[in-house]
């Protein structure tokens, strides 16, 4: 991330434990409560299933009730696992750039797009992914926040919880403009680059565009790129831009 990563905040320690460790400990301690509540929900699903079976005169009401209860319990289990799994990058169990990189390649390659990882203009901050294709060029970076951090736009300003997001946005906009300048000069093709930030964790209820960048969930990045072309490059131009980027932009280890 331009300006430094906040996957793990060095100064954010509580009683000697990082927020990530505390989150995992609370999750483990809450397991028994989640199991009890899952049982309550499954029982409610069973009752509702039984009532519906009799109401609509379905065959084998007891069987319908049992299936409804099991499905309710399974749905609750899946939702709990998904909520915990969504914090994996923030907890340091996964790398955001790996997750997003796989999604980008899987969904964009068949449409003629190339994905270059870990690129930077020499002497400037690096970015996680540079996407080049028929519809334009995008910089995609990754970041993670505590699951309770609200990410939103108010007016024209970007906020992460109660903090302004200007510093994060400006860093990504600046590196995108630098990359565009280098590519335009070296390839002879005038280009602009749109900066995107893949958000892992935090409370991002919808895609947000503010202060020059767009923030969205990793699974939505490829769709955003395909949905809104910013240029019209032919196959030859795409290849030239990709080769130029691979040649002149420093690869980060």
Protein backbone atom coordinates (compact mmCIF):
# COMPACT_ATOMS: atom_id res chain seq x y z
CA UNK A 1 0.00 0.00 0.00
CA UNK A 2 1.43 3.46 -0.87
CA UNK A 3 2.45 5.17 2.34
CA UNK A 4 2.75 1.92 4.29
CA UNK A 5 0.63 -1.09 5.16
CA UNK A 6 -1.88 -1.16 7.99
CA UNK A 7 -2.47 -4.91 7.93
CA UNK A 8 -0.92 -4.86 11.41
CA UNK A 9 -0.64 -1.54 13.20
CA UNK A 10 2.58 -1.52 15.27
CA UNK A 11 1.31 0.96 17.87
CA UNK A 12 -2.14 -0.53 18.29
CA UNK A 13 -1.56 -2.75 21.29
CA UNK A 14 -4.04 -3.43 24.09
CA UNK A 15 -2.67 -4.99 27.27
CA UNK A 16 0.22 -6.42 25.30
CA UNK A 17 -2.03 -8.11 22.72
CA UNK A 18 -2.65 -6.95 19.18
CA UNK A 19 -6.26 -6.37 18.03
CA UNK A 20 -5.87 -9.40 15.77
CA UNK A 21 -4.92 -11.71 18.65
CA UNK A 22 -7.67 -10.31 20.84
CA UNK A 23 -10.21 -10.85 18.07
CA UNK A 24 -9.19 -14.50 17.71
CA UNK A 25 -9.33 -15.04 21.47
CA UNK A 26 -12.81 -13.51 21.72
CA UNK A 27 -13.94 -15.66 18.79
CA UNK A 28 -12.78 -18.83 20.55
CA UNK A 29 -14.32 -17.78 23.87
CA UNK A 30 -17.64 -17.04 22.16
CA UNK A 31 -17.84 -20.48 20.52
CA UNK A 32 -20.12 -21.97 23.18
CA UNK A 33 -22.53 -19.04 22.97
CA UNK A 34 -22.64 -19.33 19.17
CA UNK A 35 -23.45 -23.06 19.45
CA UNK A 36 -26.30 -22.37 21.88
CA UNK A 37 -27.73 -19.63 19.68
CA UNK A 38 -27.42 -21.90 16.65
CA UNK A 39 -29.45 -24.51 18.47
CA UNK A 40 -32.11 -21.92 19.28
CA UNK A 41 -32.25 -20.79 15.65
CA UNK A 42 -32.42 -24.38 14.41
CA UNK A 43 -35.30 -25.07 16.81
CA UNK A 44 -37.09 -21.96 15.56
CA UNK A 45 -36.54 -23.14 12.00
CA UNK A 46 -38.00 -26.52 12.90
CA UNK A 47 -41.13 -24.94 14.37
CA UNK A 48 -41.57 -22.62 11.39
CA UNK A 49 -41.07 -25.54 9.01
CA UNK A 50 -43.69 -27.58 10.85
CA UNK A 51 -46.21 -24.73 10.79
CA UNK A 52 -45.63 -24.11 7.10
CA UNK A 53 -45.95 -27.81 6.32
CA UNK A 54 -49.38 -27.93 7.97
CA UNK A 55 -50.39 -24.55 6.56
CA UNK A 56 -49.72 -25.60 2.96
CA UNK A 57 -50.66 -29.25 3.50
CA UNK A 58 -47.22 -30.56 2.59
CA UNK A 59 -46.49 -34.30 2.83
CA UNK A 60 -44.57 -35.58 5.89
CA UNK A 61 -44.72 -32.43 8.08
CA UNK A 62 -42.22 -33.84 10.64
CA UNK A 63 -39.67 -34.45 7.88
CA UNK A 64 -40.20 -30.94 6.49
CA UNK A 65 -39.71 -29.53 9.99
CA UNK A 66 -36.46 -31.44 10.52
CA UNK A 67 -35.10 -30.32 7.14
CA UNK A 68 -36.03 -26.70 7.88
CA UNK A 69 -34.28 -26.88 11.25
CA UNK A 70 -31.14 -28.40 9.75
CA UNK A 71 -31.03 -25.83 6.97
CA UNK A 72 -31.42 -23.00 9.46
CA UNK A 73 -28.58 -24.34 11.59
CA UNK A 74 -26.37 -24.90 8.56
CA UNK A 75 -27.06 -21.38 7.28
CA UNK A 76 -26.10 -19.90 10.65
CA UNK A 77 -22.91 -21.98 10.74
CA UNK A 78 -21.98 -20.84 7.23
CA UNK A 79 -22.63 -17.19 8.04
CA UNK A 80 -20.49 -17.38 11.19
CA UNK A 81 -17.64 -19.03 9.29
CA UNK A 82 -17.88 -16.51 6.46
CA UNK A 83 -17.74 -13.58 8.89
CA UNK A 84 -14.62 -15.00 10.52
CA UNK A 85 -13.01 -15.92 7.22
CA UNK A 86 -13.52 -12.35 5.97
CA UNK A 87 -11.01 -11.19 8.62
CA UNK A 88 -8.24 -13.57 7.49
CA UNK A 89 -6.21 -10.88 5.69
CA UNK A 90 -6.52 -8.44 8.57
CA UNK A 91 -5.46 -11.21 10.98
CA UNK A 92 -2.40 -11.94 8.85
CA UNK A 93 -3.54 -15.45 7.88
CA UNK A 94 -3.73 -14.55 4.19
CA UNK A 95 -2.12 -12.01 1.92
CA UNK A 96 -4.54 -9.60 0.33
CA UNK A 97 -2.53 -9.30 -2.88
CA UNK A 98 -2.61 -13.07 -3.35
CA UNK A 99 -6.38 -13.24 -2.88
CA UNK A 100 -7.08 -10.36 -5.25
CA UNK A 101 -4.48 -11.46 -7.79
CA UNK A 102 -6.13 -14.87 -8.19
CA UNK A 103 -9.55 -13.28 -8.65
CA UNK A 104 -8.26 -10.84 -11.25
CA UNK A 105 -6.50 -13.50 -13.34
CA UNK A 106 -9.39 -15.92 -13.15
CA UNK A 107 -11.94 -13.39 -14.38
CA UNK A 108 -9.97 -11.06 -16.65
CA UNK A 109 -7.55 -13.16 -18.67
CA UNK A 110 -10.26 -14.58 -20.91
CA UNK A 111 -11.23 -11.02 -21.82
CA UNK A 112 -7.74 -10.09 -23.00
CA UNK A 113 -6.45 -8.42 -19.83
CA UNK A 114 -2.96 -8.75 -18.34
CA UNK A 115 -2.20 -8.52 -14.63
CA UNK A 116 1.27 -7.45 -13.47
CA UNK A 117 2.00 -7.77 -9.77
CA UNK A 118 4.15 -5.62 -7.49
CA UNK A 119 5.16 -2.77 -9.79
CA UNK A 120 6.53 0.68 -9.05
CA UNK A 121 8.12 3.68 -10.69
CA UNK A 122 11.72 3.68 -9.44
CA UNK A 123 11.97 5.82 -6.35
CA UNK A 124 8.22 5.80 -5.71
CA UNK A 125 5.76 3.66 -3.77
CA UNK A 126 4.73 0.29 -5.16
CA UNK A 127 1.28 -1.05 -6.02
CA UNK A 128 0.01 -4.59 -5.79
CA UNK A 129 -1.47 -5.04 -9.29
CA UNK A 130 -1.37 -3.24 -12.62
CA UNK A 131 -4.20 -4.33 -14.92
CA UNK A 132 -3.88 -3.62 -18.64
CA UNK A 133 -6.52 -4.57 -21.18
CA UNK A 134 -8.82 -3.47 -24.01
CA UNK A 135 -10.86 -1.26 -21.67
CA UNK A 136 -7.97 0.66 -20.14
CA UNK A 137 -5.46 0.48 -17.30
CA UNK A 138 -6.12 0.18 -13.58
CA UNK A 139 -3.97 0.18 -10.48
CA UNK A 140 -5.33 -2.19 -7.84
CA UNK A 141 -4.02 -2.11 -4.30
CA UNK A 142 -5.08 -4.07 -1.21
CA UNK A 143 -5.70 -3.01 2.35
CA UNK A 144 -7.33 -4.46 5.46
CA UNK A 145 -9.09 -2.92 8.43
CA UNK A 146 -10.57 -4.10 11.69
CA UNK A 147 -13.97 -5.71 10.93
CA UNK A 148 -15.79 -2.97 12.89
CA UNK A 149 -14.19 -0.10 10.96
CA UNK A 150 -16.84 1.67 8.91
CA UNK A 151 -15.59 2.69 5.47
CA UNK A 152 -17.77 5.31 3.85
CA UNK A 153 -18.01 8.58 1.98
CA UNK A 154 -19.51 11.65 3.63
CA UNK A 155 -19.87 14.57 1.27
CA UNK A 156 -16.69 14.53 -0.78
CA UNK A 157 -14.53 13.05 1.96
CA UNK A 158 -13.45 9.47 2.53
CA UNK A 159 -13.54 8.09 6.07
CA UNK A 160 -12.11 5.01 7.76
CA UNK A 161 -14.05 4.94 10.99
CA UNK A 162 -13.58 8.42 12.46
CA UNK A 163 -10.37 9.08 10.50
CA UNK A 164 -10.05 10.92 7.22
CA UNK A 165 -8.97 8.77 4.29
CA UNK A 166 -7.23 11.58 2.41
CA UNK A 167 -3.71 10.30 3.04
CA UNK A 168 -4.54 6.82 1.76
CA UNK A 169 -6.38 8.19 -1.28
CA UNK A 170 -3.69 10.71 -2.21
CA UNK A 171 -0.92 8.12 -2.04
CA UNK A 172 -2.76 5.82 -4.45
CA UNK A 173 -3.74 8.66 -6.80
CA UNK A 174 -0.14 9.95 -6.90
CA UNK A 175 1.38 6.57 -7.72
CA UNK A 176 -1.29 5.98 -10.41
CA UNK A 177 -0.44 9.29 -12.06
CA UNK A 178 3.29 8.52 -11.92
CA UNK A 179 2.75 5.10 -13.50
CA UNK A 180 0.58 6.66 -16.22
CA UNK A 181 3.26 9.24 -16.99
CA UNK A 182 5.97 6.63 -17.35
CA UNK A 183 3.84 4.33 -19.51
CA UNK A 184 2.72 7.18 -21.77
CA UNK A 185 6.28 8.36 -22.31
CA UNK A 186 7.84 4.95 -22.88
CA UNK A 187 5.08 3.44 -25.04
CA UNK A 188 4.07 6.51 -27.01
CA UNK A 189 0.42 5.82 -26.16
CA UNK A 190 -1.30 8.44 -23.98
CA UNK A 191 -2.86 6.65 -21.02
CA UNK A 192 -4.65 7.42 -17.79
CA UNK A 193 -4.84 4.98 -14.90
CA UNK A 194 -7.78 4.56 -12.54
CA UNK A 195 -6.84 3.66 -8.95
CA UNK A 196 -8.85 0.96 -7.16
CA UNK A 197 -8.50 -0.22 -3.56
CA UNK A 198 -9.57 -3.78 -2.73
CA UNK A 199 -10.86 -3.73 0.83
CA UNK A 200 -10.37 -6.81 3.00
CA UNK A 201 -12.39 -6.60 6.21
CA UNK A 202 -13.98 -3.47 7.61
CA UNK A 203 -17.60 -2.47 7.08
CA UNK A 204 -17.91 -1.56 3.41
CA UNK A 205 -21.61 -1.82 2.64
CA UNK A 206 -21.29 -0.68 -0.98
CA UNK A 207 -18.69 0.40 -3.49
CA UNK A 208 -17.38 3.85 -2.58
CA UNK A 209 -15.74 6.42 -4.87
CA UNK A 210 -14.18 9.41 -3.12
CA UNK A 211 -11.10 11.61 -3.32
CA UNK A 212 -9.99 10.10 -6.62
CA UNK A 213 -10.12 6.39 -5.75
CA UNK A 214 -12.73 3.63 -5.73
CA UNK A 215 -12.96 1.20 -2.81
CA UNK A 216 -14.68 -2.16 -3.24
CA UNK A 217 -14.59 -5.76 -2.12
CA UNK A 218 -11.98 -7.96 -3.87
CA UNK A 219 -14.60 -10.13 -5.57
CA UNK A 220 -16.06 -7.01 -7.25
CA UNK A 221 -12.85 -5.57 -8.72
CA UNK A 222 -12.88 -7.57 -11.98
CA UNK A 223 -16.57 -6.80 -12.50
CA UNK A 224 -15.88 -3.08 -12.04
CA UNK A 225 -13.10 -3.20 -14.64
CA UNK A 226 -15.19 -5.08 -17.18
CA UNK A 227 -18.31 -3.01 -16.60
CA UNK A 228 -16.77 0.40 -17.20
CA UNK A 229 -14.19 0.66 -20.01
CA UNK A 230 -12.06 3.79 -19.70
CA UNK A 231 -10.31 3.46 -23.07
CA UNK A 232 -10.37 1.49 -26.31
CA UNK A 233 -7.07 -0.30 -26.89
CA UNK A 234 -6.65 -2.82 -29.66
CA UNK A 235 -4.76 -6.06 -29.15
CA UNK A 236 -1.49 -4.60 -30.43
CA UNK A 237 -1.68 -1.62 -28.07
CA UNK A 238 -2.47 -3.88 -25.11
CA UNK A 239 0.59 -6.00 -25.87
CA UNK A 240 2.81 -2.93 -26.29
CA UNK A 241 1.63 -1.40 -23.03
CA UNK A 242 2.08 -4.69 -21.18
CA UNK A 243 5.60 -5.24 -22.52
CA UNK A 244 6.52 -1.63 -21.74
CA UNK A 245 5.21 -1.90 -18.19
CA UNK A 246 7.06 -5.17 -17.63
CA UNK A 247 10.27 -3.57 -18.93
CA UNK A 248 10.36 -0.15 -17.30
CA UNK A 249 8.44 -0.53 -14.07
CA UNK A 250 10.46 -1.90 -11.20
CA UNK A 251 9.26 -5.26 -9.92
CA UNK A 252 8.96 -5.49 -6.15
CA UNK A 253 10.12 -8.69 -4.48
